[in-house]
Amino acid sequence: MTRRLFVTTALPYANGPFHIGHIMEYIQADIWVRFQRMQDHEVHFIGADDAHGAPIMLAAEKAGKTPEEFIAEIARGRKKYLDGFHIATTTGTRRTRERTPSSRRTSTASSRRRS
């Protein structure tokens, strides 16, 4: 019986660079995801940033950047590590404080299309 699984790791808080603790968790999740796919299960491996909160605003201010620029730089830095370990998530997203109703509809609609 094929199962539909949704897998994620803890969301790395985007106020500092990716580190060994993050990559270890991604590797562990990736192993489990690959095993489930080998069992012919449908697996959605979701990667995301936790991009919400005062620590991010303070770190961005200290770096002389907007929070959005700072978060984008952190996300770009992670890509080289994930690529180096051949880890590919189904989707990459960013959790922020504000989501518009239209973005909720879009994410729900895109989830349905992938099903």
PDB file of N, CA and C in Angstrom:
ATOM      1  N   MET A   1       0.832  -1.179   0.000  1.00  0.00           N
ATOM      2  CA  MET A   1       0.000   0.000   0.000  1.00  0.00           C
ATOM      3  C   MET A   1       0.878   1.243   0.000  1.00  0.00           C
ATOM      4  N   THR A   2       0.688   2.102  -0.976  1.00  0.00           N
ATOM      5  CA  THR A   2       1.456   3.339  -1.075  1.00  0.00           C
ATOM      6  C   THR A   2       0.936   4.358  -0.076  1.00  0.00           C
ATOM      7  N   ARG A   3       1.869   4.994   0.620  1.00  0.00           N
ATOM      8  CA  ARG A   3       1.502   6.047   1.569  1.00  0.00           C
ATOM      9  C   ARG A   3       1.932   7.390   1.015  1.00  0.00           C
ATOM     10  N   ARG A   4       1.233   8.440   1.389  1.00  0.00           N
ATOM     11  CA  ARG A   4       1.618   9.814   1.054  1.00  0.00           C
ATOM     12  C   ARG A   4       2.192  10.429   2.328  1.00  0.00           C
ATOM     13  N   LEU A   5       3.470  10.812   2.292  1.00  0.00           N
ATOM     14  CA  LEU A   5       4.161  11.333   3.465  1.00  0.00           C
ATOM     15  C   LEU A   5       4.646  12.754   3.224  1.00  0.00           C
ATOM     16  N   PHE A   6       4.577  13.557   4.256  1.00  0.00           N
ATOM     17  CA  PHE A   6       5.129  14.910   4.233  1.00  0.00           C
ATOM     18  C   PHE A   6       6.178  14.978   5.328  1.00  0.00           C
ATOM     19  N   VAL A   7       7.411  15.318   4.954  1.00  0.00           N
ATOM     20  CA  VAL A   7       8.544  15.294   5.875  1.00  0.00           C
ATOM     21  C   VAL A   7       9.206  16.661   5.882  1.00  0.00           C
ATOM     22  N   THR A   8       9.589  17.116   7.058  1.00  0.00           N
ATOM     23  CA  THR A   8      10.386  18.333   7.165  1.00  0.00           C
ATOM     24  C   THR A   8      11.360  18.166   8.321  1.00  0.00           C
ATOM     25  N   THR A   9      12.301  19.050   8.390  1.00  0.00           N
ATOM     26  CA  THR A   9      13.219  19.110   9.520  1.00  0.00           C
ATOM     27  C   THR A   9      12.766  20.276  10.393  1.00  0.00           C
ATOM     28  N   ALA A  10      13.397  20.456  11.520  1.00  0.00           N
ATOM     29  CA  ALA A  10      13.165  21.676  12.287  1.00  0.00           C
ATOM     30  C   ALA A  10      13.547  22.834  11.365  1.00  0.00           C
ATOM     31  N   LEU A  11      12.809  23.912  11.423  1.00  0.00           N
ATOM     32  CA  LEU A  11      13.082  25.037  10.538  1.00  0.00           C
ATOM     33  C   LEU A  11      14.289  25.811  11.057  1.00  0.00           C
ATOM     34  N   PRO A  12      15.379  25.859  10.280  1.00  0.00           N
ATOM     35  CA  PRO A  12      16.541  26.631  10.734  1.00  0.00           C
ATOM     36  C   PRO A  12      16.162  28.098  10.903  1.00  0.00           C
ATOM     37  N   TYR A  13      16.491  28.660  12.035  1.00  0.00           N
ATOM     38  CA  TYR A  13      16.214  30.066  12.290  1.00  0.00           C
ATOM     39  C   TYR A  13      17.211  30.892  11.483  1.00  0.00           C
ATOM     40  N   ALA A  14      16.732  31.789  10.685  1.00  0.00           N
ATOM     41  CA  ALA A  14      17.559  32.486   9.687  1.00  0.00           C
ATOM     42  C   ALA A  14      18.299  33.691  10.242  1.00  0.00           C
ATOM     43  N   ASN A  15      18.766  33.642  11.483  1.00  0.00           N
ATOM     44  CA  ASN A  15      19.521  34.779  12.007  1.00  0.00           C
ATOM     45  C   ASN A  15      21.022  34.510  12.030  1.00  0.00           C
ATOM     46  N   GLY A  16      21.445  33.402  11.446  1.00  0.00           N
ATOM     47  CA  GLY A  16      22.863  33.082  11.382  1.00  0.00           C
ATOM     48  C   GLY A  16      23.108  32.012  10.347  1.00  0.00           C
ATOM     49  N   PRO A  17      24.381  31.761  10.025  1.00  0.00           N
ATOM     50  CA  PRO A  17      24.693  30.807   8.956  1.00  0.00           C
ATOM     51  C   PRO A  17      24.324  29.361   9.312  1.00  0.00           C
ATOM     52  N   PHE A  18      24.148  28.582   8.276  1.00  0.00           N
ATOM     53  CA  PHE A  18      23.875  27.155   8.382  1.00  0.00           C
ATOM     54  C   PHE A  18      25.060  26.503   9.078  1.00  0.00           C
ATOM     55  N   HIS A  19      24.824  25.539   9.958  1.00  0.00           N
ATOM     56  CA  HIS A  19      25.928  24.910  10.683  1.00  0.00           C
ATOM     57  C   HIS A  19      25.765  23.390  10.727  1.00  0.00           C
ATOM     58  N   ILE A  20      26.705  22.713  11.341  1.00  0.00           N
ATOM     59  CA  ILE A  20      26.763  21.252  11.332  1.00  0.00           C
ATOM     60  C   ILE A  20      25.503  20.624  11.926  1.00  0.00           C
ATOM     61  N   GLY A  21      24.907  21.243  12.918  1.00  0.00           N
ATOM     62  CA  GLY A  21      23.672  20.716  13.493  1.00  0.00           C
ATOM     63  C   GLY A  21      22.538  20.704  12.482  1.00  0.00           C
ATOM     64  N   HIS A  22      22.472  21.754  11.664  1.00  0.00           N
ATOM     65  CA  HIS A  22      21.440  21.805  10.622  1.00  0.00           C
ATOM     66  C   HIS A  22      21.666  20.701   9.587  1.00  0.00           C
ATOM     67  N   ILE A  23      22.887  20.603   9.084  1.00  0.00           N
ATOM     68  CA  ILE A  23      23.154  19.644   8.008  1.00  0.00           C
ATOM     69  C   ILE A  23      22.967  18.213   8.510  1.00  0.00           C
ATOM     70  N   MET A  24      23.299  17.948   9.769  1.00  0.00           N
ATOM     71  CA  MET A  24      23.109  16.611  10.322  1.00  0.00           C
ATOM     72  C   MET A  24      21.629  16.231  10.279  1.00  0.00           C
ATOM     73  N   GLU A  25      20.774  17.155  10.662  1.00  0.00           N
ATOM     74  CA  GLU A  25      19.338  16.876  10.653  1.00  0.00           C
ATOM     75  C   GLU A  25      18.825  16.672   9.229  1.00  0.00           C
ATOM     76  N   TYR A  26      19.296  17.483   8.285  1.00  0.00           N
ATOM     77  CA  TYR A  26      18.896  17.307   6.889  1.00  0.00           C
ATOM     78  C   TYR A  26      19.353  15.955   6.344  1.00  0.00           C
ATOM     79  N   ILE A  27      20.568  15.529   6.695  1.00  0.00           N
ATOM     80  CA  ILE A  27      21.074  14.235   6.230  1.00  0.00           C
ATOM     81  C   ILE A  27      20.214  13.103   6.790  1.00  0.00           C
ATOM     82  N   GLN A  28      19.903  13.166   8.080  1.00  0.00           N
ATOM     83  CA  GLN A  28      19.074  12.119   8.685  1.00  0.00           C
ATOM     84  C   GLN A  28      17.701  12.053   8.008  1.00  0.00           C
ATOM     85  N   ALA A  29      17.085  13.208   7.796  1.00  0.00           N
ATOM     86  CA  ALA A  29      15.770  13.231   7.144  1.00  0.00           C
ATOM     87  C   ALA A  29      15.874  12.731   5.712  1.00  0.00           C
ATOM     88  N   ASP A  30      16.940  13.113   5.008  1.00  0.00           N
ATOM     89  CA  ASP A  30      17.113  12.702   3.617  1.00  0.00           C
ATOM     90  C   ASP A  30      17.240  11.176   3.502  1.00  0.00           C
ATOM     91  N   ILE A  31      17.957  10.565   4.432  1.00  0.00           N
ATOM     92  CA  ILE A  31      18.097   9.098   4.426  1.00  0.00           C
ATOM     93  C   ILE A  31      16.725   8.451   4.569  1.00  0.00           C
ATOM     94  N   TRP A  32      15.938   8.942   5.504  1.00  0.00           N
ATOM     95  CA  TRP A  32      14.614   8.376   5.735  1.00  0.00           C
ATOM     96  C   TRP A  32      13.708   8.594   4.527  1.00  0.00           C
ATOM     97  N   VAL A  33      13.781   9.806   3.924  1.00  0.00           N
ATOM     98  CA  VAL A  33      12.982  10.117   2.735  1.00  0.00           C
ATOM     99  C   VAL A  33      13.360   9.185   1.589  1.00  0.00           C
ATOM    100  N   ARG A  34      14.641   8.994   1.352  1.00  0.00           N
ATOM    101  CA  ARG A  34      15.075   8.110   0.258  1.00  0.00           C
ATOM    102  C   ARG A  34      14.602   6.673   0.485  1.00  0.00           C
ATOM    103  N   PHE A  35      14.692   6.216   1.734  1.00  0.00           N
ATOM    104  CA  PHE A  35      14.219   4.869   2.041  1.00  0.00           C
ATOM    105  C   PHE A  35      12.725   4.746   1.752  1.00  0.00           C
ATOM    106  N   GLN A  36      11.948   5.731   2.167  1.00  0.00           N
ATOM    107  CA  GLN A  36      10.504   5.683   1.928  1.00  0.00           C
ATOM    108  C   GLN A  36      10.193   5.700   0.433  1.00  0.00           C
ATOM    109  N   ARG A  37      10.943   6.451  -0.332  1.00  0.00           N
ATOM    110  CA  ARG A  37      10.733   6.477  -1.783  1.00  0.00           C
ATOM    111  C   ARG A  37      11.108   5.136  -2.405  1.00  0.00           C
ATOM    112  N   MET A  38      12.136   4.483  -1.867  1.00  0.00           N
ATOM    113  CA  MET A  38      12.503   3.152  -2.369  1.00  0.00           C
ATOM    114  C   MET A  38      11.391   2.128  -2.100  1.00  0.00           C
ATOM    115  N   GLN A  39      10.575   2.404  -1.120  1.00  0.00           N
ATOM    116  CA  GLN A  39       9.442   1.544  -0.800  1.00  0.00           C
ATOM    117  C   GLN A  39       8.204   1.941  -1.626  1.00  0.00           C
ATOM    118  N   ASP A  40       8.409   2.796  -2.617  1.00  0.00           N
ATOM    119  CA  ASP A  40       7.357   3.280  -3.518  1.00  0.00           C
ATOM    120  C   ASP A  40       6.301   4.141  -2.835  1.00  0.00           C
ATOM    121  N   HIS A  41       6.684   4.841  -1.776  1.00  0.00           N
ATOM    122  CA  HIS A  41       5.765   5.777  -1.142  1.00  0.00           C
ATOM    123  C   HIS A  41       5.949   7.154  -1.778  1.00  0.00           C
ATOM    124  N   GLU A  42       4.894   7.925  -1.784  1.00  0.00           N
ATOM    125  CA  GLU A  42       4.942   9.303  -2.282  1.00  0.00           C
ATOM    126  C   GLU A  42       5.407  10.183  -1.123  1.00  0.00           C
ATOM    127  N   VAL A  43       6.571  10.810  -1.277  1.00  0.00           N
ATOM    128  CA  VAL A  43       7.152  11.582  -0.178  1.00  0.00           C
ATOM    129  C   VAL A  43       7.408  13.013  -0.636  1.00  0.00           C
ATOM    130  N   HIS A  44       6.933  13.959   0.161  1.00  0.00           N
ATOM    131  CA  HIS A  44       7.185  15.382  -0.058  1.00  0.00           C
ATOM    132  C   HIS A  44       8.129  15.826   1.058  1.00  0.00           C
ATOM    133  N   PHE A  45       9.360  16.162   0.689  1.00  0.00           N
ATOM    134  CA  PHE A  45      10.382  16.590   1.653  1.00  0.00           C
ATOM    135  C   PHE A  45      10.437  18.109   1.592  1.00  0.00           C
ATOM    136  N   ILE A  46       9.995  18.747   2.639  1.00  0.00           N
ATOM    137  CA  ILE A  46       9.823  20.201   2.632  1.00  0.00           C
ATOM    138  C   ILE A  46      10.924  20.862   3.440  1.00  0.00           C
ATOM    139  N   GLY A  47      11.616  21.793   2.817  1.00  0.00           N
ATOM    140  CA  GLY A  47      12.629  22.585   3.492  1.00  0.00           C
ATOM    141  C   GLY A  47      12.132  24.009   3.630  1.00  0.00           C
ATOM    142  N   ALA A  48      12.493  24.657   4.725  1.00  0.00           N
ATOM    143  CA  ALA A  48      12.006  26.015   4.948  1.00  0.00           C
ATOM    144  C   ALA A  48      12.934  26.764   5.888  1.00  0.00           C
ATOM    145  N   ASP A  49      12.752  28.060   5.945  1.00  0.00           N
ATOM    146  CA  ASP A  49      13.429  28.922   6.915  1.00  0.00           C
ATOM    147  C   ASP A  49      12.405  29.423   7.912  1.00  0.00           C
ATOM    148  N   ASP A  50      12.805  29.543   9.155  1.00  0.00           N
ATOM    149  CA  ASP A  50      11.982  30.280  10.111  1.00  0.00           C
ATOM    150  C   ASP A  50      12.512  31.711  10.057  1.00  0.00           C
ATOM    151  N   ALA A  51      11.808  32.551   9.334  1.00  0.00           N
ATOM    152  CA  ALA A  51      12.289  33.907   9.060  1.00  0.00           C
ATOM    153  C   ALA A  51      11.433  34.943   9.774  1.00  0.00           C
ATOM    154  N   HIS A  52      11.183  34.715  11.051  1.00  0.00           N
ATOM    155  CA  HIS A  52      10.295  35.572  11.806  1.00  0.00           C
ATOM    156  C   HIS A  52      10.924  35.883  13.158  1.00  0.00           C
ATOM    157  N   GLY A  53      10.906  37.127  13.565  1.00  0.00           N
ATOM    158  CA  GLY A  53      11.298  37.447  14.929  1.00  0.00           C
ATOM    159  C   GLY A  53      12.339  38.530  15.063  1.00  0.00           C
ATOM    160  N   ALA A  54      12.444  39.010  16.284  1.00  0.00           N
ATOM    161  CA  ALA A  54      13.363  40.100  16.607  1.00  0.00           C
ATOM    162  C   ALA A  54      14.833  39.743  16.384  1.00  0.00           C
ATOM    163  N   PRO A  55      15.283  38.496  16.701  1.00  0.00           N
ATOM    164  CA  PRO A  55      16.702  38.194  16.475  1.00  0.00           C
ATOM    165  C   PRO A  55      17.128  38.392  15.014  1.00  0.00           C
ATOM    166  N   ILE A  56      16.240  38.086  14.085  1.00  0.00           N
ATOM    167  CA  ILE A  56      16.565  38.293  12.669  1.00  0.00           C
ATOM    168  C   ILE A  56      16.664  39.778  12.362  1.00  0.00           C
ATOM    169  N   MET A  57      15.724  40.536  12.876  1.00  0.00           N
ATOM    170  CA  MET A  57      15.763  41.987  12.646  1.00  0.00           C
ATOM    171  C   MET A  57      17.046  42.586  13.213  1.00  0.00           C
ATOM    172  N   LEU A  58      17.446  42.154  14.404  1.00  0.00           N
ATOM    173  CA  LEU A  58      18.670  42.677  15.033  1.00  0.00           C
ATOM    174  C   LEU A  58      19.922  42.256  14.267  1.00  0.00           C
ATOM    175  N   ALA A  59      19.975  40.991  13.845  1.00  0.00           N
ATOM    176  CA  ALA A  59      21.136  40.508  13.085  1.00  0.00           C
ATOM    177  C   ALA A  59      21.241  41.236  11.747  1.00  0.00           C
ATOM    178  N   ALA A  60      20.101  41.472  11.092  1.00  0.00           N
ATOM    179  CA  ALA A  60      20.103  42.198   9.810  1.00  0.00           C
ATOM    180  C   ALA A  60      20.575  43.629  10.010  1.00  0.00           C
ATOM    181  N   GLU A  61      20.082  44.265  11.046  1.00  0.00           N
ATOM    182  CA  GLU A  61      20.485  45.648  11.338  1.00  0.00           C
ATOM    183  C   GLU A  61      21.988  45.719  11.598  1.00  0.00           C
ATOM    184  N   LYS A  62      22.499  44.772  12.356  1.00  0.00           N
ATOM    185  CA  LYS A  62      23.941  44.725  12.663  1.00  0.00           C
ATOM    186  C   LYS A  62      24.760  44.548  11.384  1.00  0.00           C
ATOM    187  N   ALA A  63      24.216  43.764  10.425  1.00  0.00           N
ATOM    188  CA  ALA A  63      24.905  43.522   9.152  1.00  0.00           C
ATOM    189  C   ALA A  63      24.672  44.647   8.147  1.00  0.00           C
ATOM    190  N   GLY A  64      23.824  45.624   8.499  1.00  0.00           N
ATOM    191  CA  GLY A  64      23.557  46.740   7.596  1.00  0.00           C
ATOM    192  C   GLY A  64      22.660  46.364   6.423  1.00  0.00           C
ATOM    193  N   LYS A  65      21.759  45.412   6.648  1.00  0.00           N
ATOM    194  CA  LYS A  65      20.882  44.931   5.576  1.00  0.00           C
ATOM    195  C   LYS A  65      19.436  44.962   6.052  1.00  0.00           C
ATOM    196  N   THR A  66      18.527  44.860   5.100  1.00  0.00           N
ATOM    197  CA  THR A  66      17.130  44.686   5.477  1.00  0.00           C
ATOM    198  C   THR A  66      16.949  43.239   5.919  1.00  0.00           C
ATOM    199  N   PRO A  67      15.929  42.949   6.711  1.00  0.00           N
ATOM    200  CA  PRO A  67      15.697  41.553   7.093  1.00  0.00           C
ATOM    201  C   PRO A  67      15.530  40.635   5.876  1.00  0.00           C
ATOM    202  N   GLU A  68      14.858  41.110   4.835  1.00  0.00           N
ATOM    203  CA  GLU A  68      14.655  40.302   3.634  1.00  0.00           C
ATOM    204  C   GLU A  68      15.979  39.971   2.951  1.00  0.00           C
ATOM    205  N   GLU A  69      16.872  40.983   2.840  1.00  0.00           N
ATOM    206  CA  GLU A  69      18.189  40.749   2.229  1.00  0.00           C
ATOM    207  C   GLU A  69      19.000  39.763   3.068  1.00  0.00           C
ATOM    208  N   PHE A  70      18.933  39.950   4.381  1.00  0.00           N
ATOM    209  CA  PHE A  70      19.690  39.099   5.293  1.00  0.00           C
ATOM    210  C   PHE A  70      19.232  37.642   5.192  1.00  0.00           C
ATOM    211  N   ILE A  71      17.922  37.424   5.189  1.00  0.00           N
ATOM    212  CA  ILE A  71      17.354  36.076   5.098  1.00  0.00           C
ATOM    213  C   ILE A  71      17.704  35.425   3.766  1.00  0.00           C
ATOM    214  N   ALA A  72      17.626  36.200   2.679  1.00  0.00           N
ATOM    215  CA  ALA A  72      17.963  35.660   1.349  1.00  0.00           C
ATOM    216  C   ALA A  72      19.426  35.218   1.307  1.00  0.00           C
ATOM    217  N   GLU A  73      20.300  35.982   1.937  1.00  0.00           N
ATOM    218  CA  GLU A  73      21.724  35.622   1.971  1.00  0.00           C
ATOM    219  C   GLU A  73      21.939  34.324   2.753  1.00  0.00           C
ATOM    220  N   ILE A  74      21.250  34.174   3.869  1.00  0.00           N
ATOM    221  CA  ILE A  74      21.347  32.944   4.669  1.00  0.00           C
ATOM    222  C   ILE A  74      20.868  31.754   3.837  1.00  0.00           C
ATOM    223  N   ALA A  75      19.746  31.921   3.142  1.00  0.00           N
ATOM    224  CA  ALA A  75      19.190  30.831   2.322  1.00  0.00           C
ATOM    225  C   ALA A  75      20.159  30.442   1.196  1.00  0.00           C
ATOM    226  N   ARG A  76      20.786  31.433   0.569  1.00  0.00           N
ATOM    227  CA  ARG A  76      21.754  31.125  -0.503  1.00  0.00           C
ATOM    228  C   ARG A  76      22.943  30.346   0.056  1.00  0.00           C
ATOM    229  N   GLY A  77      23.361  30.680   1.268  1.00  0.00           N
ATOM    230  CA  GLY A  77      24.490  29.995   1.888  1.00  0.00           C
ATOM    231  C   GLY A  77      24.205  28.531   2.175  1.00  0.00           C
ATOM    232  N   ARG A  78      22.961  28.195   2.461  1.00  0.00           N
ATOM    233  CA  ARG A  78      22.585  26.827   2.757  1.00  0.00           C
ATOM    234  C   ARG A  78      22.638  25.947   1.525  1.00  0.00           C
ATOM    235  N   LYS A  79      22.329  26.513   0.370  1.00  0.00           N
ATOM    236  CA  LYS A  79      22.241  25.741  -0.872  1.00  0.00           C
ATOM    237  C   LYS A  79      23.525  24.953  -1.147  1.00  0.00           C
ATOM    238  N   LYS A  80      24.680  25.567  -0.948  1.00  0.00           N
ATOM    239  CA  LYS A  80      25.937  24.854  -1.251  1.00  0.00           C
ATOM    240  C   LYS A  80      26.121  23.620  -0.370  1.00  0.00           C
ATOM    241  N   TYR A  81      25.647  23.685   0.869  1.00  0.00           N
ATOM    242  CA  TYR A  81      25.753  22.517   1.750  1.00  0.00           C
ATOM    243  C   TYR A  81      24.786  21.413   1.330  1.00  0.00           C
ATOM    244  N   LEU A  82      23.554  21.789   1.041  1.00  0.00           N
ATOM    245  CA  LEU A  82      22.577  20.788   0.619  1.00  0.00           C
ATOM    246  C   LEU A  82      22.996  20.160  -0.704  1.00  0.00           C
ATOM    247  N   ASP A  83      23.473  20.972  -1.638  1.00  0.00           N
ATOM    248  CA  ASP A  83      23.947  20.441  -2.918  1.00  0.00           C
ATOM    249  C   ASP A  83      25.157  19.520  -2.712  1.00  0.00           C
ATOM    250  N   GLY A  84      26.051  19.900  -1.816  1.00  0.00           N
ATOM    251  CA  GLY A  84      27.252  19.096  -1.554  1.00  0.00           C
ATOM    252  C   GLY A  84      26.938  17.713  -1.010  1.00  0.00           C
ATOM    253  N   PHE A  85      25.841  17.589  -0.294  1.00  0.00           N
ATOM    254  CA  PHE A  85      25.423  16.293   0.242  1.00  0.00           C
ATOM    255  C   PHE A  85      24.322  15.660  -0.608  1.00  0.00           C
ATOM    256  N   HIS A  86      24.050  16.244  -1.764  1.00  0.00           N
ATOM    257  CA  HIS A  86      23.034  15.734  -2.705  1.00  0.00           C
ATOM    258  C   HIS A  86      21.662  15.616  -2.051  1.00  0.00           C
ATOM    259  N   ILE A  87      21.323  16.628  -1.259  1.00  0.00           N
ATOM    260  CA  ILE A  87      20.017  16.670  -0.596  1.00  0.00           C
ATOM    261  C   ILE A  87      19.122  17.616  -1.375  1.00  0.00           C
ATOM    262  N   ALA A  88      17.978  17.108  -1.789  1.00  0.00           N
ATOM    263  CA  ALA A  88      17.029  17.925  -2.541  1.00  0.00           C
ATOM    264  C   ALA A  88      15.665  17.830  -1.878  1.00  0.00           C
ATOM    265  N   THR A  89      15.164  18.966  -1.447  1.00  0.00           N
ATOM    266  CA  THR A  89      13.818  18.981  -0.894  1.00  0.00           C
ATOM    267  C   THR A  89      12.825  19.132  -2.035  1.00  0.00           C
ATOM    268  N   THR A  90      11.603  18.713  -1.781  1.00  0.00           N
ATOM    269  CA  THR A  90      10.546  18.857  -2.777  1.00  0.00           C
ATOM    270  C   THR A  90      10.253  20.322  -3.013  1.00  0.00           C
ATOM    271  N   THR A  91      10.305  21.102  -1.951  1.00  0.00           N
ATOM    272  CA  THR A  91      10.012  22.529  -2.025  1.00  0.00           C
ATOM    273  C   THR A  91      10.787  23.250  -0.950  1.00  0.00           C
ATOM    274  N   GLY A  92      11.089  24.493  -1.204  1.00  0.00           N
ATOM    275  CA  GLY A  92      11.712  25.342  -0.198  1.00  0.00           C
ATOM    276  C   GLY A  92      10.789  26.507   0.070  1.00  0.00           C
ATOM    277  N   THR A  93      10.551  26.798   1.331  1.00  0.00           N
ATOM    278  CA  THR A  93       9.664  27.894   1.681  1.00  0.00           C
ATOM    279  C   THR A  93      10.271  28.697   2.804  1.00  0.00           C
ATOM    280  N   ARG A  94       9.594  29.764   3.157  1.00  0.00           N
ATOM    281  CA  ARG A  94      10.060  30.625   4.231  1.00  0.00           C
ATOM    282  C   ARG A  94       8.865  30.944   5.117  1.00  0.00           C
ATOM    283  N   ARG A  95       8.981  30.700   6.416  1.00  0.00           N
ATOM    284  CA  ARG A  95       7.905  31.036   7.350  1.00  0.00           C
ATOM    285  C   ARG A  95       8.124  32.446   7.847  1.00  0.00           C
ATOM    286  N   THR A  96       7.170  33.302   7.581  1.00  0.00           N
ATOM    287  CA  THR A  96       7.239  34.683   8.064  1.00  0.00           C
ATOM    288  C   THR A  96       5.977  34.987   8.843  1.00  0.00           C
ATOM    289  N   ARG A  97       5.979  36.105   9.507  1.00  0.00           N
ATOM    290  CA  ARG A  97       4.842  36.485  10.322  1.00  0.00           C
ATOM    291  C   ARG A  97       3.611  36.748   9.479  1.00  0.00           C
ATOM    292  N   GLU A  98       3.774  37.428   8.370  1.00  0.00           N
ATOM    293  CA  GLU A  98       2.625  37.839   7.576  1.00  0.00           C
ATOM    294  C   GLU A  98       2.486  36.990   6.330  1.00  0.00           C
ATOM    295  N   ARG A  99       1.299  36.422   6.158  1.00  0.00           N
ATOM    296  CA  ARG A  99       0.961  35.715   4.927  1.00  0.00           C
ATOM    297  C   ARG A  99      -0.353  36.292   4.444  1.00  0.00           C
ATOM    298  N   THR A 100      -0.423  36.575   3.187  1.00  0.00           N
ATOM    299  CA  THR A 100      -1.657  37.121   2.637  1.00  0.00           C
ATOM    300  C   THR A 100      -2.618  35.994   2.325  1.00  0.00           C
ATOM    301  N   PRO A 101      -3.919  36.284   2.301  1.00  0.00           N
ATOM    302  CA  PRO A 101      -4.875  35.237   1.938  1.00  0.00           C
ATOM    303  C   PRO A 101      -4.573  34.620   0.576  1.00  0.00           C
ATOM    304  N   SER A 102      -4.093  35.427  -0.376  1.00  0.00           N
ATOM    305  CA  SER A 102      -3.798  34.873  -1.701  1.00  0.00           C
ATOM    306  C   SER A 102      -2.631  33.905  -1.650  1.00  0.00           C
ATOM    307  N   SER A 103      -1.633  34.135  -0.774  1.00  0.00           N
ATOM    308  CA  SER A 103      -0.501  33.199  -0.692  1.00  0.00           C
ATOM    309  C   SER A 103      -0.954  31.878  -0.081  1.00  0.00           C
ATOM    310  N   ARG A 104      -1.920  31.916   0.831  1.00  0.00           N
ATOM    311  CA  ARG A 104      -2.454  30.667   1.379  1.00  0.00           C
ATOM    312  C   ARG A 104      -3.153  29.872   0.297  1.00  0.00           C
ATOM    313  N   ARG A 105      -3.938  30.556  -0.533  1.00  0.00           N
ATOM    314  CA  ARG A 105      -4.635  29.848  -1.611  1.00  0.00           C
ATOM    315  C   ARG A 105      -3.630  29.256  -2.587  1.00  0.00           C
ATOM    316  N   THR A 106      -2.598  30.000  -2.910  1.00  0.00           N
ATOM    317  CA  THR A 106      -1.600  29.512  -3.854  1.00  0.00           C
ATOM    318  C   THR A 106      -0.915  28.267  -3.312  1.00  0.00           C
ATOM    319  N   SER A 107      -0.497  28.301  -2.044  1.00  0.00           N
ATOM    320  CA  SER A 107       0.203  27.138  -1.511  1.00  0.00           C
ATOM    321  C   SER A 107      -0.729  25.935  -1.418  1.00  0.00           C
ATOM    322  N   THR A 108      -1.990  26.155  -1.090  1.00  0.00           N
ATOM    323  CA  THR A 108      -2.945  25.056  -1.027  1.00  0.00           C
ATOM    324  C   THR A 108      -3.193  24.497  -2.417  1.00  0.00           C
ATOM    325  N   ALA A 109      -3.361  25.380  -3.382  1.00  0.00           N
ATOM    326  CA  ALA A 109      -3.612  24.932  -4.748  1.00  0.00           C
ATOM    327  C   ALA A 109      -2.419  24.163  -5.292  1.00  0.00           C
ATOM    328  N   SER A 110      -1.207  24.644  -5.024  1.00  0.00           N
ATOM    329  CA  SER A 110      -0.031  23.943  -5.543  1.00  0.00           C
ATOM    330  C   SER A 110       0.126  22.590  -4.862  1.00  0.00           C
ATOM    331  N   SER A 111      -0.286  22.469  -3.601  1.00  0.00           N
ATOM    332  CA  SER A 111      -0.240  21.166  -2.922  1.00  0.00           C
ATOM    333  C   SER A 111      -1.183  20.185  -3.596  1.00  0.00           C
ATOM    334  N   ARG A 112      -2.347  20.667  -3.967  1.00  0.00           N
ATOM    335  CA  ARG A 112      -3.310  19.788  -4.628  1.00  0.00           C
ATOM    336  C   ARG A 112      -2.792  19.331  -5.983  1.00  0.00           C
ATOM    337  N   ARG A 113      -2.129  20.225  -6.701  1.00  0.00           N
ATOM    338  CA  ARG A 113      -1.622  19.848  -8.029  1.00  0.00           C
ATOM    339  C   ARG A 113      -0.572  18.754  -7.909  1.00  0.00           C
ATOM    340  N   ARG A 114       0.252  18.784  -6.864  1.00  0.00           N
ATOM    341  CA  ARG A 114       1.309  17.791  -6.695  1.00  0.00           C
ATOM    342  C   ARG A 114       0.754  16.438  -6.286  1.00  0.00           C
ATOM    343  N   SER A 115      -0.461  16.398  -5.777  1.00  0.00           N
ATOM    344  CA  SER A 115      -1.048  15.146  -5.292  1.00  0.00           C
ATOM    345  C   SER A 115      -1.378  14.202  -6.410  1.00  0.00           C
TER     346      SER A 115
END
